[in-house]
Protein backbone atom coordinates (compact mmCIF):
# COMPACT_ATOMS: atom_id res chain seq x y z
CA MET A 1 18.90 16.94 13.80
CA SER A 2 20.91 17.98 10.63
CA GLN A 3 23.63 15.80 9.13
CA THR A 4 27.23 16.55 10.15
CA VAL A 5 30.26 15.97 8.16
CA SER A 6 31.08 12.97 10.30
CA ASP A 7 27.46 11.43 9.60
CA PHE A 8 28.15 11.91 5.89
CA ILE A 9 31.57 10.21 6.14
CA VAL A 10 30.27 7.21 8.06
CA ARG A 11 27.36 6.97 5.71
CA ARG A 12 29.40 7.02 2.59
CA LEU A 13 31.99 4.60 3.91
CA HIS A 14 29.08 2.11 4.85
CA GLN A 15 27.85 2.52 1.20
CA TRP A 16 31.32 1.61 -0.04
CA GLY A 17 31.18 -1.56 2.10
CA VAL A 18 33.36 -0.39 5.14
CA ARG A 19 32.33 -2.16 8.22
CA HIS A 20 35.25 -1.65 10.57
CA ILE A 21 37.21 1.57 11.27
CA PHE A 22 40.68 1.33 12.85
CA GLY A 23 42.04 4.11 14.88
CA TYR A 24 42.93 5.63 18.20
CA PRO A 25 40.40 7.71 20.18
CA GLY A 26 41.01 11.22 20.69
CA ASP A 27 39.47 14.72 20.39
CA GLY A 28 39.85 14.86 16.62
CA ILE A 29 37.92 11.73 15.83
CA ASN A 30 35.06 12.14 18.54
CA GLY A 31 32.69 13.43 15.87
CA VAL A 32 33.18 10.29 13.98
CA PHE A 33 32.45 8.31 17.09
CA GLY A 34 29.22 10.18 17.47
CA ALA A 35 28.33 9.53 13.86
CA MET A 36 28.98 5.79 14.27
CA SER A 37 26.78 5.74 17.32
CA ARG A 38 23.98 7.34 15.27
CA ALA A 39 24.50 4.84 12.58
CA GLU A 40 23.18 2.25 14.97
CA GLY A 41 25.70 -0.52 14.63
CA LYS A 42 26.49 -0.36 10.84
CA MET A 43 30.18 0.06 11.64
CA ASN A 44 32.48 -1.10 14.30
CA PHE A 45 35.48 0.86 15.85
CA VAL A 46 38.63 -1.17 16.41
CA GLN A 47 41.23 0.62 18.56
CA ALA A 48 44.61 0.41 16.96
CA ALA A 49 47.39 -1.56 18.89
CA ALA A 50 50.18 1.11 18.10
CA LEU A 51 49.34 3.01 21.35
CA ALA A 52 52.96 3.95 21.91
CA SER A 53 53.00 6.18 18.87
CA ASP A 54 53.61 9.81 19.50
CA MET A 55 52.05 10.86 16.17
CA PRO A 56 48.42 11.89 15.65
CA VAL A 57 45.87 9.67 13.87
CA VAL A 58 44.90 11.02 10.47
CA LEU A 59 41.50 10.22 8.80
CA GLU A 60 42.15 10.50 5.03
CA VAL A 61 39.17 10.74 2.73
CA LYS A 62 39.66 11.18 -1.01
CA THR A 63 37.05 12.85 -3.14
CA ASP A 64 36.96 14.23 -6.65
CA PRO A 65 37.26 18.02 -6.11
CA GLU A 66 35.26 18.54 -9.44
CA VAL A 67 32.32 16.51 -8.23
CA PRO A 68 30.35 17.86 -5.22
CA PRO A 69 28.72 15.13 -3.29
CA PRO A 70 25.03 15.06 -3.55
CA PRO A 71 22.92 15.45 -0.23
CA PRO A 72 21.82 12.22 1.17
CA HIS A 73 18.12 12.74 0.43
CA ILE A 74 18.24 14.43 -2.84
CA THR A 75 15.09 14.39 -4.95
CA LEU A 76 14.94 13.92 -8.67
CA GLN A 77 13.79 17.51 -9.05
CA GLN A 78 16.75 18.77 -6.98
CA ALA A 79 19.17 16.80 -9.13
CA LYS A 80 17.59 18.31 -12.24
CA ASN A 81 17.83 21.82 -10.93
CA PHE A 82 21.46 21.10 -10.02
CA SER A 83 22.28 19.99 -13.53
CA LEU A 84 20.40 22.99 -15.15
CA ALA A 85 22.36 25.37 -12.93
CA LEU A 86 25.73 23.78 -14.01
CA MET A 87 24.86 24.05 -17.58
CA LYS A 88 24.46 27.89 -17.24
CA GLY A 89 28.15 28.53 -16.85
CA ASP A 90 30.40 26.02 -15.25
CA PRO A 91 33.27 25.17 -17.70
CA ASN A 92 33.40 21.54 -16.46
CA GLU A 93 29.64 20.93 -16.39
CA SER A 94 29.68 17.64 -18.23
CA GLY A 95 32.25 16.03 -15.92
CA MET A 96 30.44 17.24 -12.82
CA ILE A 97 27.09 16.12 -14.07
CA LYS A 98 28.49 12.62 -14.98
CA GLY A 99 30.24 12.41 -11.60
CA ALA A 100 27.19 13.47 -9.67
CA ALA A 101 24.94 11.04 -11.61
CA ARG A 102 27.41 8.26 -10.85
CA GLN A 103 27.41 9.06 -7.10
CA VAL A 104 23.54 9.15 -7.07
CA LEU A 105 23.44 5.78 -8.85
CA GLU A 106 25.95 4.24 -6.48
CA SER A 107 24.01 5.44 -3.53
CA ILE A 108 20.85 3.81 -4.96
CA LEU A 109 22.55 0.68 -6.21
CA PRO A 110 25.49 0.11 -3.84
CA GLY A 111 28.17 -2.31 -5.26
CA LYS A 112 26.99 -1.74 -8.83
CA GLN A 113 29.32 0.08 -11.18
């Protein structure tokens, strides 16, 4: 099965040290529940106590729009090809290459920065 956006979010949050997700179940978060289940116990869901709220739950994930996230199983050759493609015309290639390299290193060495 291919990786979903929810799988990516759960994987990345786990890499950043997140072990508990607080929220309220509903249609919009069901994909995240599935991803947490597939992550085999790496994260716990804690249902929020503000059940009387009439407002929807929002999952906010902040990313750098200039740095595309690398795929979870990127090879060194793929990373090299990505960098070479950027150098052929992207005006912000140095920032993107540095950011992508930082993300790859953080996924290899979690907690090291």
